[in-house]
């Protein structure tokens, strides 16, 4: 009978240890996921702004060409 009690206690302690370790691993995973989400949002914002900058560069180049033609 004492062996069964010892086995149950050992199993309970082991289960508790696994649950605690899993909880900490989940916290690390959540933190990494939040960081990746932040990086993706920053990248998406950059990706949205690039076409705007490209269009502005086209306008600037056109204005420079006009000024060069004017001063010839």
N, C-alpha and C. Protein backbone atom coordinates (compact mmCIF):
# COMPACT_ATOMS: atom_id res chain seq x y z
N UNK A 1 0.82 -1.20 0.00
CA UNK A 1 0.00 0.00 0.00
C UNK A 1 0.86 1.26 0.00
N UNK A 2 1.97 1.26 0.71
CA UNK A 2 2.83 2.43 0.76
C UNK A 2 3.47 2.71 -0.59
N UNK A 3 3.72 1.64 -1.37
CA UNK A 3 4.31 1.84 -2.68
C UNK A 3 3.34 2.61 -3.60
N UNK A 4 2.07 2.31 -3.47
CA UNK A 4 1.06 2.99 -4.28
C UNK A 4 1.00 4.47 -3.91
N UNK A 5 1.05 4.75 -2.61
CA UNK A 5 1.01 6.14 -2.15
C UNK A 5 2.24 6.90 -2.64
N UNK A 6 3.40 6.26 -2.54
CA UNK A 6 4.64 6.89 -3.02
C UNK A 6 4.55 7.13 -4.53
N UNK A 7 4.02 6.16 -5.27
CA UNK A 7 3.89 6.31 -6.71
C UNK A 7 2.92 7.44 -7.06
N UNK A 8 1.82 7.56 -6.33
CA UNK A 8 0.86 8.63 -6.58
C UNK A 8 1.47 10.00 -6.27
N UNK A 9 2.20 10.09 -5.16
CA UNK A 9 2.84 11.35 -4.79
C UNK A 9 3.88 11.72 -5.86
N UNK A 10 4.69 10.74 -6.26
CA UNK A 10 5.71 10.98 -7.27
C UNK A 10 5.07 11.41 -8.59
N UNK A 11 4.02 10.75 -8.97
CA UNK A 11 3.30 11.11 -10.20
C UNK A 11 2.72 12.51 -10.11
N UNK A 12 2.16 12.85 -8.95
CA UNK A 12 1.59 14.19 -8.76
C UNK A 12 2.65 15.28 -8.83
N UNK A 13 3.80 15.03 -8.19
CA UNK A 13 4.88 16.00 -8.22
C UNK A 13 5.42 16.15 -9.65
N UNK A 14 5.55 15.03 -10.35
CA UNK A 14 6.02 15.07 -11.74
C UNK A 14 5.04 15.84 -12.61
N UNK A 15 3.75 15.58 -12.45
CA UNK A 15 2.73 16.30 -13.21
C UNK A 15 2.80 17.79 -12.93
N UNK A 16 2.97 18.15 -11.67
CA UNK A 16 3.08 19.57 -11.29
C UNK A 16 4.30 20.20 -11.96
N UNK A 17 5.42 19.49 -11.96
CA UNK A 17 6.63 20.01 -12.60
C UNK A 17 6.44 20.20 -14.10
N UNK A 18 5.79 19.25 -14.73
CA UNK A 18 5.54 19.36 -16.18
C UNK A 18 4.62 20.54 -16.46
N UNK A 19 3.60 20.72 -15.66
CA UNK A 19 2.67 21.83 -15.87
C UNK A 19 3.38 23.18 -15.71
N UNK A 20 4.24 23.30 -14.72
CA UNK A 20 4.98 24.54 -14.50
C UNK A 20 5.93 24.80 -15.67
N UNK A 21 6.66 23.78 -16.08
CA UNK A 21 7.60 23.94 -17.20
C UNK A 21 6.86 24.31 -18.48
N UNK A 22 5.72 23.67 -18.72
CA UNK A 22 4.92 23.98 -19.90
C UNK A 22 4.40 25.41 -19.86
N UNK A 23 4.03 25.87 -18.70
CA UNK A 23 3.55 27.24 -18.54
C UNK A 23 4.64 28.24 -18.89
N UNK A 24 5.86 27.98 -18.43
CA UNK A 24 6.97 28.88 -18.73
C UNK A 24 7.31 28.83 -20.22
N UNK A 25 7.29 27.66 -20.81
CA UNK A 25 7.56 27.54 -22.24
C UNK A 25 6.50 28.27 -23.05
N UNK A 26 5.25 28.21 -22.61
CA UNK A 26 4.17 28.92 -23.29
C UNK A 26 4.37 30.43 -23.18
N UNK A 27 4.85 30.90 -22.04
CA UNK A 27 5.11 32.32 -21.87
C UNK A 27 6.20 32.79 -22.83
N UNK A 28 7.24 31.99 -23.01
CA UNK A 28 8.31 32.33 -23.95
C UNK A 28 7.76 32.36 -25.37
N UNK A 29 6.97 31.37 -25.72
CA UNK A 29 6.37 31.32 -27.05
C UNK A 29 5.48 32.53 -27.30
N UNK A 30 4.69 32.91 -26.31
CA UNK A 30 3.83 34.08 -26.45
C UNK A 30 4.65 35.35 -26.67
N UNK A 31 5.75 35.48 -25.93
CA UNK A 31 6.61 36.66 -26.07
C UNK A 31 7.22 36.71 -27.46
N UNK A 32 7.70 35.57 -27.95
CA UNK A 32 8.28 35.53 -29.29
C UNK A 32 7.23 35.85 -30.35
N UNK A 33 6.03 35.35 -30.17
CA UNK A 33 4.95 35.61 -31.11
C UNK A 33 4.60 37.10 -31.14
N UNK A 34 4.56 37.73 -29.98
CA UNK A 34 4.28 39.17 -29.92
C UNK A 34 5.37 39.96 -30.64
N UNK A 35 6.63 39.57 -30.45
CA UNK A 35 7.74 40.25 -31.11
C UNK A 35 7.66 40.08 -32.63
N UNK A 36 7.36 38.88 -33.09
CA UNK A 36 7.22 38.65 -34.52
C UNK A 36 6.05 39.45 -35.10
N UNK A 37 4.97 39.52 -34.36
CA UNK A 37 3.81 40.29 -34.80
C UNK A 37 4.18 41.76 -34.94
N UNK A 38 4.95 42.28 -34.00
CA UNK A 38 5.39 43.68 -34.05
C UNK A 38 6.27 43.90 -35.28
N UNK A 39 7.19 42.98 -35.54
CA UNK A 39 8.08 43.11 -36.69
C UNK A 39 7.30 43.05 -38.01
N UNK A 40 6.32 42.18 -38.09
CA UNK A 40 5.51 42.08 -39.32
C UNK A 40 4.72 43.36 -39.54
N UNK A 41 4.18 43.92 -38.48
CA UNK A 41 3.44 45.17 -38.62
C UNK A 41 4.36 46.29 -39.09
N UNK A 42 5.57 46.36 -38.55
CA UNK A 42 6.52 47.37 -38.97
C UNK A 42 6.88 47.17 -40.45
N UNK A 43 7.08 45.95 -40.85
CA UNK A 43 7.40 45.66 -42.25
C UNK A 43 6.24 46.02 -43.16
N UNK A 44 5.04 45.68 -42.75
CA UNK A 44 3.86 46.01 -43.57
C UNK A 44 3.71 47.51 -43.74
N UNK A 45 3.98 48.27 -42.68
CA UNK A 45 3.91 49.73 -42.77
C UNK A 45 4.94 50.23 -43.77
N UNK A 46 6.15 49.68 -43.70
CA UNK A 46 7.19 50.06 -44.65
C UNK A 46 6.79 49.71 -46.07
N UNK A 47 6.26 48.52 -46.25
CA UNK A 47 5.86 48.06 -47.58
C UNK A 47 4.75 48.94 -48.16
N UNK A 48 3.91 49.49 -47.31
CA UNK A 48 2.84 50.37 -47.80
C UNK A 48 3.40 51.73 -48.20
N UNK A 49 4.48 52.15 -47.55
CA UNK A 49 5.03 53.47 -47.82
C UNK A 49 5.93 53.50 -49.04
N UNK A 50 6.53 52.38 -49.42
CA UNK A 50 7.46 52.35 -50.54
C UNK A 50 6.82 52.83 -51.84
N UNK A 51 5.64 52.38 -52.22
CA UNK A 51 5.03 52.90 -53.47
C UNK A 51 4.81 54.42 -53.43
N UNK A 52 4.49 54.94 -52.27
CA UNK A 52 4.29 56.39 -52.14
C UNK A 52 5.61 57.11 -52.40
N UNK A 53 6.68 56.60 -51.81
CA UNK A 53 8.00 57.21 -52.01
C UNK A 53 8.42 57.09 -53.48
N UNK A 54 8.16 55.95 -54.10
CA UNK A 54 8.50 55.79 -55.51
C UNK A 54 7.76 56.81 -56.37
N UNK A 55 6.51 57.04 -56.09
CA UNK A 55 5.74 58.02 -56.85
C UNK A 55 6.29 59.42 -56.63
N UNK A 56 6.68 59.72 -55.40
CA UNK A 56 7.27 61.04 -55.12
C UNK A 56 8.59 61.21 -55.86
N UNK A 57 9.37 60.16 -55.96
CA UNK A 57 10.64 60.22 -56.69
C UNK A 57 10.37 60.49 -58.17
N UNK A 58 9.36 59.85 -58.73
CA UNK A 58 9.02 60.09 -60.14
C UNK A 58 8.67 61.57 -60.35
N UNK A 59 7.88 62.13 -59.44
CA UNK A 59 7.48 63.53 -59.56
C UNK A 59 8.71 64.43 -59.45
N UNK A 60 9.58 64.14 -58.50
CA UNK A 60 10.79 64.93 -58.31
C UNK A 60 11.67 64.87 -59.56
N UNK A 61 11.85 63.67 -60.10
CA UNK A 61 12.66 63.53 -61.32
C UNK A 61 12.07 64.31 -62.47
N UNK A 62 10.76 64.29 -62.59
CA UNK A 62 10.10 65.04 -63.66
C UNK A 62 10.32 66.54 -63.47
N UNK A 63 10.22 67.01 -62.24
CA UNK A 63 10.43 68.44 -61.97
C UNK A 63 11.87 68.84 -62.23
N UNK A 64 12.81 67.96 -61.89
CA UNK A 64 14.23 68.24 -62.17
C UNK A 64 14.45 68.33 -63.68
N UNK A 65 13.86 67.41 -64.42
CA UNK A 65 13.98 67.44 -65.88
C UNK A 65 13.41 68.74 -66.44
N UNK A 66 12.26 69.16 -65.93
CA UNK A 66 11.66 70.42 -66.37
C UNK A 66 12.59 71.60 -66.09
N UNK A 67 13.20 71.62 -64.91
CA UNK A 67 14.11 72.70 -64.55
C UNK A 67 15.36 72.69 -65.43
N UNK A 68 15.85 71.51 -65.74
CA UNK A 68 17.03 71.41 -66.62
C UNK A 68 16.69 71.93 -68.00
N UNK A 69 15.53 71.60 -68.51
CA UNK A 69 15.11 72.09 -69.82
C UNK A 69 14.92 73.61 -69.81
N UNK A 70 14.43 74.11 -68.72
CA UNK A 70 14.17 75.55 -68.60
C UNK A 70 15.48 76.34 -68.62
N UNK A 71 16.54 75.79 -67.99
CA UNK A 71 17.80 76.51 -67.88
C UNK A 71 18.75 76.27 -69.05
N UNK A 72 18.36 75.53 -70.04
CA UNK A 72 19.23 75.29 -71.21
C UNK A 72 19.23 76.43 -72.14
